[in-house]
Amino acid sequence: MKNTRLVVLLEASLMAAFAVILDMLPSIKLSPSISISIAMVPIFLLSYRRGWKAGSLGGFLWGILQIALGDAWIATPVQMVIEYFIAFAFIGFAGVFAGKIQAALGSGLRSKAIVWVVIATFAGSLARYFWHFIAGFVFFAEYAPDEMSPLLFSFIMNGITMLGSALLCSIVLVFIANMAPRLIKVKSHQQEISRKAS
């Protein structure tokens, strides 16, 4: 059990570091407030392999690294907690579907696994950007155009970012699930994850 926990901790740390690296790559910028990238992919992979707790840990570590590396946009301490601790940790919500994904891969039902991967990716993205949406209209209301309410502005900006990033991550993760499912499947823990996530 201790060895398993250590492996999960190491994997979460590595995936968080990998997410930081991917976040440094050029992203699709539709506006200063909309940036679409594949940086969440490592945290999603971790979530599908190890479940929602490990995924949340990986996302939380990624948020800490963002702050430590000076890549965070911080207005207030509360906003920092919401956008870099809570929001990033909520990416791990995708791991709620880990049991479904592992069971499908374990049964050789790759198409079914891909469907669950897409559902889980959008669920994790929605969970994360809900918190960015909250922070957006609470702490960055002044960036909204005069003719638009801060609530609607935050909804549109974060909604577009969420949909774009979820779609882009889904494409990458579907490719991985189809071409290299071993990167998602964890044989030794398949039954345990399935039981906990069900």
C-alpha atoms as a PDB file:
ATOM      1  CA  MET A   1       0.000   0.000   0.000  1.00  0.00           C
ATOM      2  CA  LYS A   2       2.821   2.415   0.883  1.00  0.00           C
ATOM      3  CA  ASN A   3       4.577   1.595  -2.386  1.00  0.00           C
ATOM      4  CA  THR A   4       1.364   2.244  -4.300  1.00  0.00           C
ATOM      5  CA  ARG A   5       0.894   5.612  -2.605  1.00  0.00           C
ATOM      6  CA  LEU A   6       4.473   6.557  -3.376  1.00  0.00           C
ATOM      7  CA  VAL A   7       4.026   5.605  -7.028  1.00  0.00           C
ATOM      8  CA  VAL A   8       0.844   7.682  -7.247  1.00  0.00           C
ATOM      9  CA  LEU A   9       2.549  10.662  -5.581  1.00  0.00           C
ATOM     10  CA  LEU A  10       5.493  10.443  -7.976  1.00  0.00           C
ATOM     11  CA  GLU A  11       3.164  10.080 -10.937  1.00  0.00           C
ATOM     12  CA  ALA A  12       1.122  13.090  -9.815  1.00  0.00           C
ATOM     13  CA  SER A  13       4.296  15.161  -9.458  1.00  0.00           C
ATOM     14  CA  LEU A  14       5.574  14.136 -12.893  1.00  0.00           C
ATOM     15  CA  MET A  15       2.243  14.828 -14.575  1.00  0.00           C
ATOM     16  CA  ALA A  16       2.050  18.244 -12.906  1.00  0.00           C
ATOM     17  CA  ALA A  17       5.532  19.059 -14.199  1.00  0.00           C
ATOM     18  CA  PHE A  18       4.569  17.806 -17.663  1.00  0.00           C
ATOM     19  CA  ALA A  19       1.492  20.049 -17.597  1.00  0.00           C
ATOM     20  CA  VAL A  20       3.723  23.037 -16.814  1.00  0.00           C
ATOM     21  CA  ILE A  21       5.917  22.183 -19.806  1.00  0.00           C
ATOM     22  CA  LEU A  22       2.926  21.868 -22.138  1.00  0.00           C
ATOM     23  CA  ASP A  23       1.583  25.161 -20.810  1.00  0.00           C
ATOM     24  CA  MET A  24       4.795  26.839 -21.953  1.00  0.00           C
ATOM     25  CA  LEU A  25       4.158  25.801 -25.557  1.00  0.00           C
ATOM     26  CA  PRO A  26       2.401  28.252 -27.885  1.00  0.00           C
ATOM     27  CA  SER A  27      -1.360  28.158 -27.385  1.00  0.00           C
ATOM     28  CA  ILE A  28      -4.304  29.249 -29.492  1.00  0.00           C
ATOM     29  CA  LYS A  29      -5.014  32.817 -28.368  1.00  0.00           C
ATOM     30  CA  LEU A  30      -8.333  34.159 -29.606  1.00  0.00           C
ATOM     31  CA  SER A  31      -8.059  37.197 -27.320  1.00  0.00           C
ATOM     32  CA  PRO A  32      -6.059  38.252 -24.237  1.00  0.00           C
ATOM     33  CA  SER A  33      -8.713  36.478 -22.134  1.00  0.00           C
ATOM     34  CA  ILE A  34      -9.035  33.319 -24.247  1.00  0.00           C
ATOM     35  CA  SER A  35      -6.145  30.860 -24.466  1.00  0.00           C
ATOM     36  CA  ILE A  36      -6.721  27.297 -25.689  1.00  0.00           C
ATOM     37  CA  SER A  37      -4.089  24.604 -25.095  1.00  0.00           C
ATOM     38  CA  ILE A  38      -3.495  20.914 -24.368  1.00  0.00           C
ATOM     39  CA  ALA A  39      -1.830  21.578 -21.007  1.00  0.00           C
ATOM     40  CA  MET A  40      -4.523  19.680 -19.071  1.00  0.00           C
ATOM     41  CA  VAL A  41      -3.795  16.398 -20.906  1.00  0.00           C
ATOM     42  CA  PRO A  42      -1.292  15.046 -18.319  1.00  0.00           C
ATOM     43  CA  ILE A  43      -3.728  15.693 -15.455  1.00  0.00           C
ATOM     44  CA  PHE A  44      -6.499  13.961 -17.384  1.00  0.00           C
ATOM     45  CA  LEU A  45      -4.241  10.965 -18.032  1.00  0.00           C
ATOM     46  CA  LEU A  46      -3.406  10.811 -14.338  1.00  0.00           C
ATOM     47  CA  SER A  47      -7.104  11.006 -13.461  1.00  0.00           C
ATOM     48  CA  TYR A  48      -7.997   8.165 -15.839  1.00  0.00           C
ATOM     49  CA  ARG A  49      -5.147   6.015 -14.548  1.00  0.00           C
ATOM     50  CA  ARG A  50      -5.414   6.646 -10.808  1.00  0.00           C
ATOM     51  CA  GLY A  51      -8.830   8.136 -10.115  1.00  0.00           C
ATOM     52  CA  TRP A  52     -10.130  11.511  -8.999  1.00  0.00           C
ATOM     53  CA  LYS A  53      -8.047  11.863  -5.828  1.00  0.00           C
ATOM     54  CA  ALA A  54      -4.752  11.464  -7.686  1.00  0.00           C
ATOM     55  CA  GLY A  55      -6.025  13.708 -10.476  1.00  0.00           C
ATOM     56  CA  SER A  56      -6.960  16.409  -7.988  1.00  0.00           C
ATOM     57  CA  LEU A  57      -3.543  16.132  -6.368  1.00  0.00           C
ATOM     58  CA  GLY A  58      -1.847  16.474  -9.748  1.00  0.00           C
ATOM     59  CA  GLY A  59      -3.944  19.516 -10.611  1.00  0.00           C
ATOM     60  CA  PHE A  60      -3.261  21.065  -7.207  1.00  0.00           C
ATOM     61  CA  LEU A  61       0.497  20.580  -7.689  1.00  0.00           C
ATOM     62  CA  TRP A  62       0.263  22.112 -11.148  1.00  0.00           C
ATOM     63  CA  GLY A  63      -1.396  25.183  -9.654  1.00  0.00           C
ATOM     64  CA  ILE A  64       1.367  25.492  -7.067  1.00  0.00           C
ATOM     65  CA  LEU A  65       4.003  25.241  -9.806  1.00  0.00           C
ATOM     66  CA  GLN A  66       2.248  27.964 -11.801  1.00  0.00           C
ATOM     67  CA  ILE A  67       2.544  30.290  -8.818  1.00  0.00           C
ATOM     68  CA  ALA A  68       6.111  29.250  -7.958  1.00  0.00           C
ATOM     69  CA  LEU A  69       7.274  29.864 -11.532  1.00  0.00           C
ATOM     70  CA  GLY A  70       5.654  33.296 -11.657  1.00  0.00           C
ATOM     71  CA  ASP A  71       3.192  32.224 -14.345  1.00  0.00           C
ATOM     72  CA  ALA A  72       0.110  33.086 -12.295  1.00  0.00           C
ATOM     73  CA  TRP A  73      -2.098  36.145 -12.658  1.00  0.00           C
ATOM     74  CA  ILE A  74      -2.836  37.068  -9.049  1.00  0.00           C
ATOM     75  CA  ALA A  75      -5.168  39.903  -8.046  1.00  0.00           C
ATOM     76  CA  THR A  76      -5.895  38.915  -4.435  1.00  0.00           C
ATOM     77  CA  PRO A  77      -5.049  35.970  -2.158  1.00  0.00           C
ATOM     78  CA  VAL A  78      -8.633  34.688  -2.387  1.00  0.00           C
ATOM     79  CA  GLN A  79      -8.565  34.841  -6.185  1.00  0.00           C
ATOM     80  CA  MET A  80      -5.252  32.970  -6.149  1.00  0.00           C
ATOM     81  CA  VAL A  81      -6.735  30.188  -4.028  1.00  0.00           C
ATOM     82  CA  ILE A  82      -9.809  29.897  -6.249  1.00  0.00           C
ATOM     83  CA  GLU A  83      -8.020  29.958  -9.604  1.00  0.00           C
ATOM     84  CA  TYR A  84      -4.791  28.105  -8.858  1.00  0.00           C
ATOM     85  CA  PHE A  85      -5.596  25.736  -5.995  1.00  0.00           C
ATOM     86  CA  ILE A  86      -9.304  24.949  -6.276  1.00  0.00           C
ATOM     87  CA  ALA A  87      -9.826  25.274 -10.046  1.00  0.00           C
ATOM     88  CA  PHE A  88      -6.726  23.270 -10.966  1.00  0.00           C
ATOM     89  CA  ALA A  89      -7.555  20.580  -8.413  1.00  0.00           C
ATOM     90  CA  PHE A  90     -11.047  20.243  -9.874  1.00  0.00           C
ATOM     91  CA  ILE A  91      -9.572  18.986 -13.164  1.00  0.00           C
ATOM     92  CA  GLY A  92      -9.290  15.728 -11.258  1.00  0.00           C
ATOM     93  CA  PHE A  93     -13.094  15.462 -11.282  1.00  0.00           C
ATOM     94  CA  ALA A  94     -12.543  13.693 -14.604  1.00  0.00           C
ATOM     95  CA  GLY A  95     -11.246  10.773 -12.561  1.00  0.00           C
ATOM     96  CA  VAL A  96     -14.795  10.017 -11.411  1.00  0.00           C
ATOM     97  CA  PHE A  97     -15.043   8.179 -14.736  1.00  0.00           C
ATOM     98  CA  ALA A  98     -11.767   6.271 -14.275  1.00  0.00           C
ATOM     99  CA  GLY A  99     -13.592   3.059 -13.410  1.00  0.00           C
ATOM    100  CA  LYS A 100     -15.630   3.206 -16.626  1.00  0.00           C
ATOM    101  CA  ILE A 101     -12.532   3.879 -18.716  1.00  0.00           C
ATOM    102  CA  GLN A 102     -10.433   1.183 -17.049  1.00  0.00           C
ATOM    103  CA  ALA A 103     -13.249  -1.372 -17.287  1.00  0.00           C
ATOM    104  CA  ALA A 104     -13.765  -0.686 -20.992  1.00  0.00           C
ATOM    105  CA  LEU A 105     -10.051  -0.923 -21.766  1.00  0.00           C
ATOM    106  CA  GLY A 106      -9.739  -4.056 -19.646  1.00  0.00           C
ATOM    107  CA  SER A 107     -12.543  -5.675 -21.651  1.00  0.00           C
ATOM    108  CA  GLY A 108     -11.030  -4.638 -24.965  1.00  0.00           C
ATOM    109  CA  LEU A 109     -13.891  -2.225 -25.681  1.00  0.00           C
ATOM    110  CA  ARG A 110     -11.744   0.583 -27.003  1.00  0.00           C
ATOM    111  CA  SER A 111     -14.594   2.495 -28.656  1.00  0.00           C
ATOM    112  CA  LYS A 112     -16.523   2.528 -25.393  1.00  0.00           C
ATOM    113  CA  ALA A 113     -13.409   3.684 -23.546  1.00  0.00           C
ATOM    114  CA  ILE A 114     -12.999   6.544 -26.016  1.00  0.00           C
ATOM    115  CA  VAL A 115     -16.574   7.696 -25.406  1.00  0.00           C
ATOM    116  CA  TRP A 116     -15.933   7.772 -21.657  1.00  0.00           C
ATOM    117  CA  VAL A 117     -12.618   9.576 -22.191  1.00  0.00           C
ATOM    118  CA  VAL A 118     -14.395  12.364 -24.078  1.00  0.00           C
ATOM    119  CA  ILE A 119     -17.168  12.604 -21.472  1.00  0.00           C
ATOM    120  CA  ALA A 120     -14.621  12.672 -18.648  1.00  0.00           C
ATOM    121  CA  THR A 121     -12.480  15.283 -20.395  1.00  0.00           C
ATOM    122  CA  PHE A 122     -15.411  17.660 -20.801  1.00  0.00           C
ATOM    123  CA  ALA A 123     -16.538  16.999 -17.218  1.00  0.00           C
ATOM    124  CA  GLY A 124     -13.091  17.802 -15.830  1.00  0.00           C
ATOM    125  CA  SER A 125     -12.821  20.902 -17.998  1.00  0.00           C
ATOM    126  CA  LEU A 126     -16.245  22.130 -16.889  1.00  0.00           C
ATOM    127  CA  ALA A 127     -15.346  21.516 -13.239  1.00  0.00           C
ATOM    128  CA  ARG A 128     -12.178  23.591 -13.598  1.00  0.00           C
ATOM    129  CA  TYR A 129     -13.602  26.498 -15.575  1.00  0.00           C
ATOM    130  CA  PHE A 130     -16.626  26.851 -13.318  1.00  0.00           C
ATOM    131  CA  TRP A 131     -14.203  28.266 -10.739  1.00  0.00           C
ATOM    132  CA  HIS A 132     -12.478  30.499 -13.296  1.00  0.00           C
ATOM    133  CA  PHE A 133     -15.947  31.772 -14.237  1.00  0.00           C
ATOM    134  CA  ILE A 134     -16.681  32.615 -10.599  1.00  0.00           C
ATOM    135  CA  ALA A 135     -13.327  34.361 -10.170  1.00  0.00           C
ATOM    136  CA  GLY A 136     -13.784  36.178 -13.465  1.00  0.00           C
ATOM    137  CA  PHE A 137     -16.884  38.160 -12.580  1.00  0.00           C
ATOM    138  CA  VAL A 138     -15.937  38.618  -8.913  1.00  0.00           C
ATOM    139  CA  PHE A 139     -12.337  39.797  -9.289  1.00  0.00           C
ATOM    140  CA  PHE A 140     -11.995  40.969 -12.908  1.00  0.00           C
ATOM    141  CA  ALA A 141     -15.257  42.824 -13.499  1.00  0.00           C
ATOM    142  CA  GLU A 142     -13.393  45.908 -14.723  1.00  0.00           C
ATOM    143  CA  TYR A 143     -12.254  44.043 -17.848  1.00  0.00           C
ATOM    144  CA  ALA A 144     -15.828  43.597 -19.076  1.00  0.00           C
ATOM    145  CA  PRO A 145     -16.942  45.989 -21.854  1.00  0.00           C
ATOM    146  CA  ASP A 146     -19.206  48.813 -20.685  1.00  0.00           C
ATOM    147  CA  GLU A 147     -22.202  47.389 -22.528  1.00  0.00           C
ATOM    148  CA  MET A 148     -21.777  43.879 -21.073  1.00  0.00           C
ATOM    149  CA  SER A 149     -22.304  42.628 -17.529  1.00  0.00           C
ATOM    150  CA  PRO A 150     -19.239  41.103 -15.800  1.00  0.00           C
ATOM    151  CA  LEU A 151     -21.238  37.903 -15.276  1.00  0.00           C
ATOM    152  CA  LEU A 152     -21.941  37.465 -18.988  1.00  0.00           C
ATOM    153  CA  PHE A 153     -18.412  38.504 -19.949  1.00  0.00           C
ATOM    154  CA  SER A 154     -16.854  35.920 -17.636  1.00  0.00           C
ATOM    155  CA  PHE A 155     -19.302  33.268 -18.857  1.00  0.00           C
ATOM    156  CA  ILE A 156     -18.416  33.899 -22.507  1.00  0.00           C
ATOM    157  CA  MET A 157     -14.651  34.167 -22.026  1.00  0.00           C
ATOM    158  CA  ASN A 158     -14.334  31.134 -19.767  1.00  0.00           C
ATOM    159  CA  GLY A 159     -16.958  29.202 -21.713  1.00  0.00           C
ATOM    160  CA  ILE A 160     -15.070  29.572 -24.991  1.00  0.00           C
ATOM    161  CA  THR A 161     -11.775  28.711 -23.296  1.00  0.00           C
ATOM    162  CA  MET A 162     -13.318  25.659 -21.629  1.00  0.00           C
ATOM    163  CA  LEU A 163     -14.947  24.335 -24.808  1.00  0.00           C
ATOM    164  CA  GLY A 164     -11.844  24.940 -26.913  1.00  0.00           C
ATOM    165  CA  SER A 165      -9.453  23.366 -24.422  1.00  0.00           C
ATOM    166  CA  ALA A 166     -11.783  20.418 -23.767  1.00  0.00           C
ATOM    167  CA  LEU A 167     -12.125  19.766 -27.496  1.00  0.00           C
ATOM    168  CA  LEU A 168      -8.380  20.025 -28.109  1.00  0.00           C
ATOM    169  CA  CYS A 169      -7.552  17.807 -25.121  1.00  0.00           C
ATOM    170  CA  SER A 170     -10.205  15.305 -26.222  1.00  0.00           C
ATOM    171  CA  ILE A 171      -8.605  14.989 -29.646  1.00  0.00           C
ATOM    172  CA  VAL A 172      -5.207  14.269 -28.085  1.00  0.00           C
ATOM    173  CA  LEU A 173      -6.630  11.864 -25.495  1.00  0.00           C
ATOM    174  CA  VAL A 174      -8.726   9.976 -28.063  1.00  0.00           C
ATOM    175  CA  PHE A 175      -5.573   9.534 -30.130  1.00  0.00           C
ATOM    176  CA  ILE A 176      -3.758   8.196 -27.061  1.00  0.00           C
ATOM    177  CA  ALA A 177      -6.634   5.885 -26.121  1.00  0.00           C
ATOM    178  CA  ASN A 178      -6.749   4.540 -29.664  1.00  0.00           C
ATOM    179  CA  MET A 179      -3.040   4.268 -30.440  1.00  0.00           C
ATOM    180  CA  ALA A 180      -1.421   3.824 -27.011  1.00  0.00           C
ATOM    181  CA  PRO A 181      -4.063   2.684 -24.485  1.00  0.00           C
ATOM    182  CA  ARG A 182      -1.304   1.365 -22.208  1.00  0.00           C
ATOM    183  CA  LEU A 183      -0.675   4.991 -21.221  1.00  0.00           C
ATOM    184  CA  ILE A 184      -4.148   5.038 -19.668  1.00  0.00           C
ATOM    185  CA  LYS A 185      -4.677   1.466 -18.559  1.00  0.00           C
ATOM    186  CA  VAL A 186      -3.342   0.392 -15.159  1.00  0.00           C
ATOM    187  CA  LYS A 187      -3.614  -3.383 -14.979  1.00  0.00           C
ATOM    188  CA  SER A 188      -2.610  -3.895 -11.360  1.00  0.00           C
ATOM    189  CA  HIS A 189      -5.165  -1.379 -10.061  1.00  0.00           C
ATOM    190  CA  GLN A 190      -7.973  -1.810 -12.561  1.00  0.00           C
ATOM    191  CA  GLN A 191     -10.417  -3.518 -10.202  1.00  0.00           C
ATOM    192  CA  GLU A 192      -9.635  -1.178  -7.298  1.00  0.00           C
ATOM    193  CA  ILE A 193     -10.197   1.951  -9.377  1.00  0.00           C
ATOM    194  CA  SER A 194     -13.367   0.520 -10.889  1.00  0.00           C
ATOM    195  CA  ARG A 195     -14.727  -0.251  -7.420  1.00  0.00           C
ATOM    196  CA  LYS A 196     -13.885   3.178  -5.967  1.00  0.00           C
ATOM    197  CA  ALA A 197     -15.182   5.138  -8.949  1.00  0.00           C
ATOM    198  CA  SER A 198     -18.463   3.234  -9.257  1.00  0.00           C
END
